[in-house]
Amino acid sequence: MRGRAASARGVHIDLLVDRGDARAISIYGVAEGVAEATGKDVDVFDVSQLLPGPFRDSALSEAVAV
């Protein structure tokens, strides 16, 4: 998450989403839309993809709700 090396396009964006019951929302569509809007490389993960443990705890502690 934080401290990730910059890509050729500049800053890299990691998004963690909680789709809850809205499983119809396409993670790939979100990534593509944000990449087009910002010109940045984007990775999007659903919170359900993160296994319990230190990485998940760290990711959730760094999360910023938007």
PDB file of N, CA and C in Angstrom:
ATOM      1  N   MET A   1       0.829  -1.168   0.000  1.00  0.00           N
ATOM      2  CA  MET A   1       0.000   0.000   0.000  1.00  0.00           C
ATOM      3  C   MET A   1       0.891   1.256   0.000  1.00  0.00           C
ATOM      4  N   ARG A   2       1.090   1.890   1.137  1.00  0.00           N
ATOM      5  CA  ARG A   2       1.935   3.080   1.165  1.00  0.00           C
ATOM      6  C   ARG A   2       3.365   2.702   0.864  1.00  0.00           C
ATOM      7  N   GLY A   3       4.090   3.609   0.236  1.00  0.00           N
ATOM      8  CA  GLY A   3       5.477   3.354  -0.059  1.00  0.00           C
ATOM      9  C   GLY A   3       5.708   2.538  -1.326  1.00  0.00           C
ATOM     10  N   ARG A   4       4.660   2.260  -2.058  1.00  0.00           N
ATOM     11  CA  ARG A   4       4.806   1.488  -3.297  1.00  0.00           C
ATOM     12  C   ARG A   4       5.595   2.319  -4.301  1.00  0.00           C
ATOM     13  N   ALA A   5       6.467   1.670  -5.015  1.00  0.00           N
ATOM     14  CA  ALA A   5       7.286   2.359  -6.005  1.00  0.00           C
ATOM     15  C   ALA A   5       6.419   3.001  -7.079  1.00  0.00           C
ATOM     16  N   ALA A   6       6.844   4.142  -7.543  1.00  0.00           N
ATOM     17  CA  ALA A   6       6.111   4.843  -8.593  1.00  0.00           C
ATOM     18  C   ALA A   6       6.241   4.093  -9.906  1.00  0.00           C
ATOM     19  N   SER A   7       5.177   4.086 -10.686  1.00  0.00           N
ATOM     20  CA  SER A   7       5.206   3.437 -11.991  1.00  0.00           C
ATOM     21  C   SER A   7       5.688   4.436 -13.033  1.00  0.00           C
ATOM     22  N   ALA A   8       5.747   3.986 -14.265  1.00  0.00           N
ATOM     23  CA  ALA A   8       6.158   4.868 -15.357  1.00  0.00           C
ATOM     24  C   ALA A   8       5.186   6.022 -15.530  1.00  0.00           C
ATOM     25  N   ARG A   9       3.916   5.814 -15.102  1.00  0.00           N
ATOM     26  CA  ARG A   9       2.915   6.865 -15.238  1.00  0.00           C
ATOM     27  C   ARG A   9       2.836   7.741 -13.995  1.00  0.00           C
ATOM     28  N   GLY A  10       3.706   7.542 -13.026  1.00  0.00           N
ATOM     29  CA  GLY A  10       3.677   8.356 -11.813  1.00  0.00           C
ATOM     30  C   GLY A  10       3.163   7.552 -10.634  1.00  0.00           C
ATOM     31  N   VAL A  11       2.419   8.197  -9.797  1.00  0.00           N
ATOM     32  CA  VAL A  11       1.899   7.577  -8.584  1.00  0.00           C
ATOM     33  C   VAL A  11       0.942   6.442  -8.921  1.00  0.00           C
ATOM     34  N   HIS A  12       1.032   5.381  -8.150  1.00  0.00           N
ATOM     35  CA  HIS A  12       0.165   4.223  -8.310  1.00  0.00           C
ATOM     36  C   HIS A  12      -0.956   4.322  -7.286  1.00  0.00           C
ATOM     37  N   ILE A  13      -2.172   3.990  -7.677  1.00  0.00           N
ATOM     38  CA  ILE A  13      -3.327   4.069  -6.781  1.00  0.00           C
ATOM     39  C   ILE A  13      -3.817   2.661  -6.461  1.00  0.00           C
ATOM     40  N   ASP A  14      -3.940   2.361  -5.167  1.00  0.00           N
ATOM     41  CA  ASP A  14      -4.552   1.123  -4.704  1.00  0.00           C
ATOM     42  C   ASP A  14      -5.896   1.473  -4.086  1.00  0.00           C
ATOM     43  N   LEU A  15      -6.946   0.814  -4.546  1.00  0.00           N
ATOM     44  CA  LEU A  15      -8.279   1.036  -3.989  1.00  0.00           C
ATOM     45  C   LEU A  15      -8.774  -0.246  -3.354  1.00  0.00           C
ATOM     46  N   LEU A  16      -9.328  -0.125  -2.162  1.00  0.00           N
ATOM     47  CA  LEU A  16      -9.932  -1.236  -1.457  1.00  0.00           C
ATOM     48  C   LEU A  16     -11.411  -0.919  -1.343  1.00  0.00           C
ATOM     49  N   VAL A  17     -12.245  -1.751  -1.938  1.00  0.00           N
ATOM     50  CA  VAL A  17     -13.685  -1.499  -1.923  1.00  0.00           C
ATOM     51  C   VAL A  17     -14.406  -2.572  -1.124  1.00  0.00           C
ATOM     52  N   ASP A  18     -15.502  -2.184  -0.553  1.00  0.00           N
ATOM     53  CA  ASP A  18     -16.378  -3.125   0.140  1.00  0.00           C
ATOM     54  C   ASP A  18     -17.699  -3.069  -0.601  1.00  0.00           C
ATOM     55  N   ARG A  19     -17.904  -4.027  -1.491  1.00  0.00           N
ATOM     56  CA  ARG A  19     -19.113  -4.015  -2.317  1.00  0.00           C
ATOM     57  C   ARG A  19     -20.324  -4.501  -1.548  1.00  0.00           C
ATOM     58  N   GLY A  20     -20.122  -5.117  -0.405  1.00  0.00           N
ATOM     59  CA  GLY A  20     -21.249  -5.605   0.385  1.00  0.00           C
ATOM     60  C   GLY A  20     -22.188  -6.440  -0.455  1.00  0.00           C
ATOM     61  N   ASP A  21     -23.465  -6.053  -0.520  1.00  0.00           N
ATOM     62  CA  ASP A  21     -24.461  -6.775  -1.301  1.00  0.00           C
ATOM     63  C   ASP A  21     -24.483  -6.349  -2.768  1.00  0.00           C
ATOM     64  N   ALA A  22     -23.674  -5.374  -3.136  1.00  0.00           N
ATOM     65  CA  ALA A  22     -23.672  -4.848  -4.504  1.00  0.00           C
ATOM     66  C   ALA A  22     -22.642  -5.577  -5.354  1.00  0.00           C
ATOM     67  N   ARG A  23     -22.725  -6.887  -5.433  1.00  0.00           N
ATOM     68  CA  ARG A  23     -21.750  -7.691  -6.172  1.00  0.00           C
ATOM     69  C   ARG A  23     -21.765  -7.416  -7.674  1.00  0.00           C
ATOM     70  N   ALA A  24     -22.787  -6.761  -8.157  1.00  0.00           N
ATOM     71  CA  ALA A  24     -22.860  -6.468  -9.591  1.00  0.00           C
ATOM     72  C   ALA A  24     -21.862  -5.387  -9.996  1.00  0.00           C
ATOM     73  N   ILE A  25     -21.324  -4.658  -9.028  1.00  0.00           N
ATOM     74  CA  ILE A  25     -20.342  -3.623  -9.336  1.00  0.00           C
ATOM     75  C   ILE A  25     -19.059  -4.307  -9.801  1.00  0.00           C
ATOM     76  N   SER A  26     -18.585  -3.933 -10.957  1.00  0.00           N
ATOM     77  CA  SER A  26     -17.386  -4.532 -11.529  1.00  0.00           C
ATOM     78  C   SER A  26     -16.132  -3.866 -10.977  1.00  0.00           C
ATOM     79  N   ILE A  27     -15.307  -4.642 -10.319  1.00  0.00           N
ATOM     80  CA  ILE A  27     -14.038  -4.105  -9.821  1.00  0.00           C
ATOM     81  C   ILE A  27     -13.179  -3.633 -10.989  1.00  0.00           C
ATOM     82  N   TYR A  28     -13.213  -4.379 -12.090  1.00  0.00           N
ATOM     83  CA  TYR A  28     -12.415  -3.998 -13.263  1.00  0.00           C
ATOM     84  C   TYR A  28     -12.911  -2.691 -13.861  1.00  0.00           C
ATOM     85  N   GLY A  29     -14.219  -2.492 -13.860  1.00  0.00           N
ATOM     86  CA  GLY A  29     -14.779  -1.238 -14.358  1.00  0.00           C
ATOM     87  C   GLY A  29     -14.375  -0.060 -13.493  1.00  0.00           C
ATOM     88  N   VAL A  30     -14.359  -0.273 -12.183  1.00  0.00           N
ATOM     89  CA  VAL A  30     -13.923   0.779 -11.262  1.00  0.00           C
ATOM     90  C   VAL A  30     -12.466   1.131 -11.529  1.00  0.00           C
ATOM     91  N   ALA A  31     -11.621   0.118 -11.656  1.00  0.00           N
ATOM     92  CA  ALA A  31     -10.196   0.356 -11.907  1.00  0.00           C
ATOM     93  C   ALA A  31      -9.989   1.111 -13.215  1.00  0.00           C
ATOM     94  N   GLU A  32     -10.689   0.686 -14.251  1.00  0.00           N
ATOM     95  CA  GLU A  32     -10.540   1.348 -15.551  1.00  0.00           C
ATOM     96  C   GLU A  32     -11.012   2.793 -15.496  1.00  0.00           C
ATOM     97  N   GLY A  33     -12.150   3.031 -14.847  1.00  0.00           N
ATOM     98  CA  GLY A  33     -12.678   4.394 -14.741  1.00  0.00           C
ATOM     99  C   GLY A  33     -11.751   5.323 -13.972  1.00  0.00           C
ATOM    100  N   VAL A  34     -11.206   4.843 -12.863  1.00  0.00           N
ATOM    101  CA  VAL A  34     -10.289   5.668 -12.067  1.00  0.00           C
ATOM    102  C   VAL A  34      -8.994   5.906 -12.836  1.00  0.00           C
ATOM    103  N   ALA A  35      -8.497   4.888 -13.529  1.00  0.00           N
ATOM    104  CA  ALA A  35      -7.277   5.045 -14.319  1.00  0.00           C
ATOM    105  C   ALA A  35      -7.459   6.068 -15.430  1.00  0.00           C
ATOM    106  N   GLU A  36      -8.595   6.007 -16.108  1.00  0.00           N
ATOM    107  CA  GLU A  36      -8.863   6.974 -17.177  1.00  0.00           C
ATOM    108  C   GLU A  36      -9.000   8.382 -16.626  1.00  0.00           C
ATOM    109  N   ALA A  37      -9.647   8.515 -15.470  1.00  0.00           N
ATOM    110  CA  ALA A  37      -9.883   9.840 -14.883  1.00  0.00           C
ATOM    111  C   ALA A  37      -8.609  10.470 -14.319  1.00  0.00           C
ATOM    112  N   THR A  38      -7.696   9.630 -13.823  1.00  0.00           N
ATOM    113  CA  THR A  38      -6.512  10.161 -13.151  1.00  0.00           C
ATOM    114  C   THR A  38      -5.230  10.036 -13.957  1.00  0.00           C
ATOM    115  N   GLY A  39      -5.226   9.139 -14.962  1.00  0.00           N
ATOM    116  CA  GLY A  39      -4.002   8.893 -15.703  1.00  0.00           C
ATOM    117  C   GLY A  39      -2.982   8.100 -14.902  1.00  0.00           C
ATOM    118  N   LYS A  40      -3.431   7.454 -13.831  1.00  0.00           N
ATOM    119  CA  LYS A  40      -2.547   6.684 -12.958  1.00  0.00           C
ATOM    120  C   LYS A  40      -2.822   5.194 -13.100  1.00  0.00           C
ATOM    121  N   ASP A  41      -1.831   4.363 -12.748  1.00  0.00           N
ATOM    122  CA  ASP A  41      -2.050   2.931 -12.663  1.00  0.00           C
ATOM    123  C   ASP A  41      -2.894   2.657 -11.428  1.00  0.00           C
ATOM    124  N   VAL A  42      -3.880   1.779 -11.558  1.00  0.00           N
ATOM    125  CA  VAL A  42      -4.828   1.526 -10.469  1.00  0.00           C
ATOM    126  C   VAL A  42      -4.999   0.029 -10.252  1.00  0.00           C
ATOM    127  N   ASP A  43      -4.959  -0.375  -8.989  1.00  0.00           N
ATOM    128  CA  ASP A  43      -5.333  -1.724  -8.588  1.00  0.00           C
ATOM    129  C   ASP A  43      -6.525  -1.595  -7.660  1.00  0.00           C
ATOM    130  N   VAL A  44      -7.542  -2.423  -7.868  1.00  0.00           N
ATOM    131  CA  VAL A  44      -8.730  -2.414  -7.022  1.00  0.00           C
ATOM    132  C   VAL A  44      -8.926  -3.805  -6.455  1.00  0.00           C
ATOM    133  N   PHE A  45      -9.143  -3.864  -5.154  1.00  0.00           N
ATOM    134  CA  PHE A  45      -9.382  -5.125  -4.461  1.00  0.00           C
ATOM    135  C   PHE A  45     -10.651  -5.001  -3.645  1.00  0.00           C
ATOM    136  N   ASP A  46     -11.407  -6.087  -3.566  1.00  0.00           N
ATOM    137  CA  ASP A  46     -12.563  -6.131  -2.680  1.00  0.00           C
ATOM    138  C   ASP A  46     -12.065  -6.580  -1.315  1.00  0.00           C
ATOM    139  N   VAL A  47     -12.575  -5.966  -0.269  1.00  0.00           N
ATOM    140  CA  VAL A  47     -12.142  -6.298   1.085  1.00  0.00           C
ATOM    141  C   VAL A  47     -12.315  -7.794   1.371  1.00  0.00           C
ATOM    142  N   SER A  48     -13.274  -8.431   0.718  1.00  0.00           N
ATOM    143  CA  SER A  48     -13.495  -9.860   0.932  1.00  0.00           C
ATOM    144  C   SER A  48     -12.342 -10.708   0.396  1.00  0.00           C
ATOM    145  N   GLN A  49     -11.481 -10.140  -0.456  1.00  0.00           N
ATOM    146  CA  GLN A  49     -10.337 -10.861  -0.997  1.00  0.00           C
ATOM    147  C   GLN A  49      -9.170 -10.933  -0.021  1.00  0.00           C
ATOM    148  N   LEU A  50      -9.200 -10.109   1.007  1.00  0.00           N
ATOM    149  CA  LEU A  50      -8.089 -10.063   1.960  1.00  0.00           C
ATOM    150  C   LEU A  50      -8.302 -11.066   3.081  1.00  0.00           C
ATOM    151  N   LEU A  51      -7.347 -11.957   3.237  1.00  0.00           N
ATOM    152  CA  LEU A  51      -7.421 -12.947   4.302  1.00  0.00           C
ATOM    153  C   LEU A  51      -7.128 -12.274   5.645  1.00  0.00           C
ATOM    154  N   PRO A  52      -7.766 -12.738   6.712  1.00  0.00           N
ATOM    155  CA  PRO A  52      -7.476 -12.176   8.035  1.00  0.00           C
ATOM    156  C   PRO A  52      -5.984 -12.304   8.350  1.00  0.00           C
ATOM    157  N   GLY A  53      -5.436 -11.256   8.931  1.00  0.00           N
ATOM    158  CA  GLY A  53      -4.023 -11.273   9.293  1.00  0.00           C
ATOM    159  C   GLY A  53      -3.422  -9.883   9.257  1.00  0.00           C
ATOM    160  N   PRO A  54      -2.118  -9.782   9.396  1.00  0.00           N
ATOM    161  CA  PRO A  54      -1.439  -8.483   9.478  1.00  0.00           C
ATOM    162  C   PRO A  54      -1.619  -7.607   8.242  1.00  0.00           C
ATOM    163  N   PHE A  55      -1.574  -8.210   7.039  1.00  0.00           N
ATOM    164  CA  PHE A  55      -1.722  -7.389   5.835  1.00  0.00           C
ATOM    165  C   PHE A  55      -3.103  -6.747   5.786  1.00  0.00           C
ATOM    166  N   ARG A  56      -4.140  -7.543   6.043  1.00  0.00           N
ATOM    167  CA  ARG A  56      -5.517  -7.015   6.056  1.00  0.00           C
ATOM    168  C   ARG A  56      -5.652  -5.933   7.115  1.00  0.00           C
ATOM    169  N   ASP A  57      -5.129  -6.194   8.300  1.00  0.00           N
ATOM    170  CA  ASP A  57      -5.202  -5.214   9.385  1.00  0.00           C
ATOM    171  C   ASP A  57      -4.529  -3.903   8.986  1.00  0.00           C
ATOM    172  N   SER A  58      -3.367  -4.004   8.346  1.00  0.00           N
ATOM    173  CA  SER A  58      -2.650  -2.813   7.902  1.00  0.00           C
ATOM    174  C   SER A  58      -3.419  -2.067   6.821  1.00  0.00           C
ATOM    175  N   ALA A  59      -3.938  -2.815   5.852  1.00  0.00           N
ATOM    176  CA  ALA A  59      -4.696  -2.192   4.763  1.00  0.00           C
ATOM    177  C   ALA A  59      -5.919  -1.460   5.302  1.00  0.00           C
ATOM    178  N   LEU A  60      -6.630  -2.081   6.206  1.00  0.00           N
ATOM    179  CA  LEU A  60      -7.835  -1.448   6.755  1.00  0.00           C
ATOM    180  C   LEU A  60      -7.498  -0.267   7.639  1.00  0.00           C
ATOM    181  N   SER A  61      -6.361  -0.311   8.334  1.00  0.00           N
ATOM    182  CA  SER A  61      -5.978   0.818   9.197  1.00  0.00           C
ATOM    183  C   SER A  61      -5.552   2.026   8.369  1.00  0.00           C
ATOM    184  N   GLU A  62      -5.047   1.799   7.140  1.00  0.00           N
ATOM    185  CA  GLU A  62      -4.636   2.881   6.258  1.00  0.00           C
ATOM    186  C   GLU A  62      -5.747   3.380   5.342  1.00  0.00           C
ATOM    187  N   ALA A  63      -6.855   2.680   5.340  1.00  0.00           N
ATOM    188  CA  ALA A  63      -7.956   3.014   4.421  1.00  0.00           C
ATOM    189  C   ALA A  63      -8.523   4.402   4.706  1.00  0.00           C
ATOM    190  N   VAL A  64      -8.910   5.071   3.631  1.00  0.00           N
ATOM    191  CA  VAL A  64      -9.554   6.372   3.720  1.00  0.00           C
ATOM    192  C   VAL A  64     -10.903   6.241   3.026  1.00  0.00           C
ATOM    193  N   ALA A  65     -11.983   6.452   3.768  1.00  0.00           N
ATOM    194  CA  ALA A  65     -13.322   6.332   3.178  1.00  0.00           C
ATOM    195  C   ALA A  65     -13.591   7.505   2.239  1.00  0.00           C
ATOM    196  N   VAL A  66     -14.151   7.169   1.064  1.00  0.00           N
ATOM    197  CA  VAL A  66     -14.539   8.222   0.106  1.00  0.00           C
ATOM    198  C   VAL A  66     -15.962   7.984  -0.344  1.00  0.00           C
TER     199      VAL A  66
END
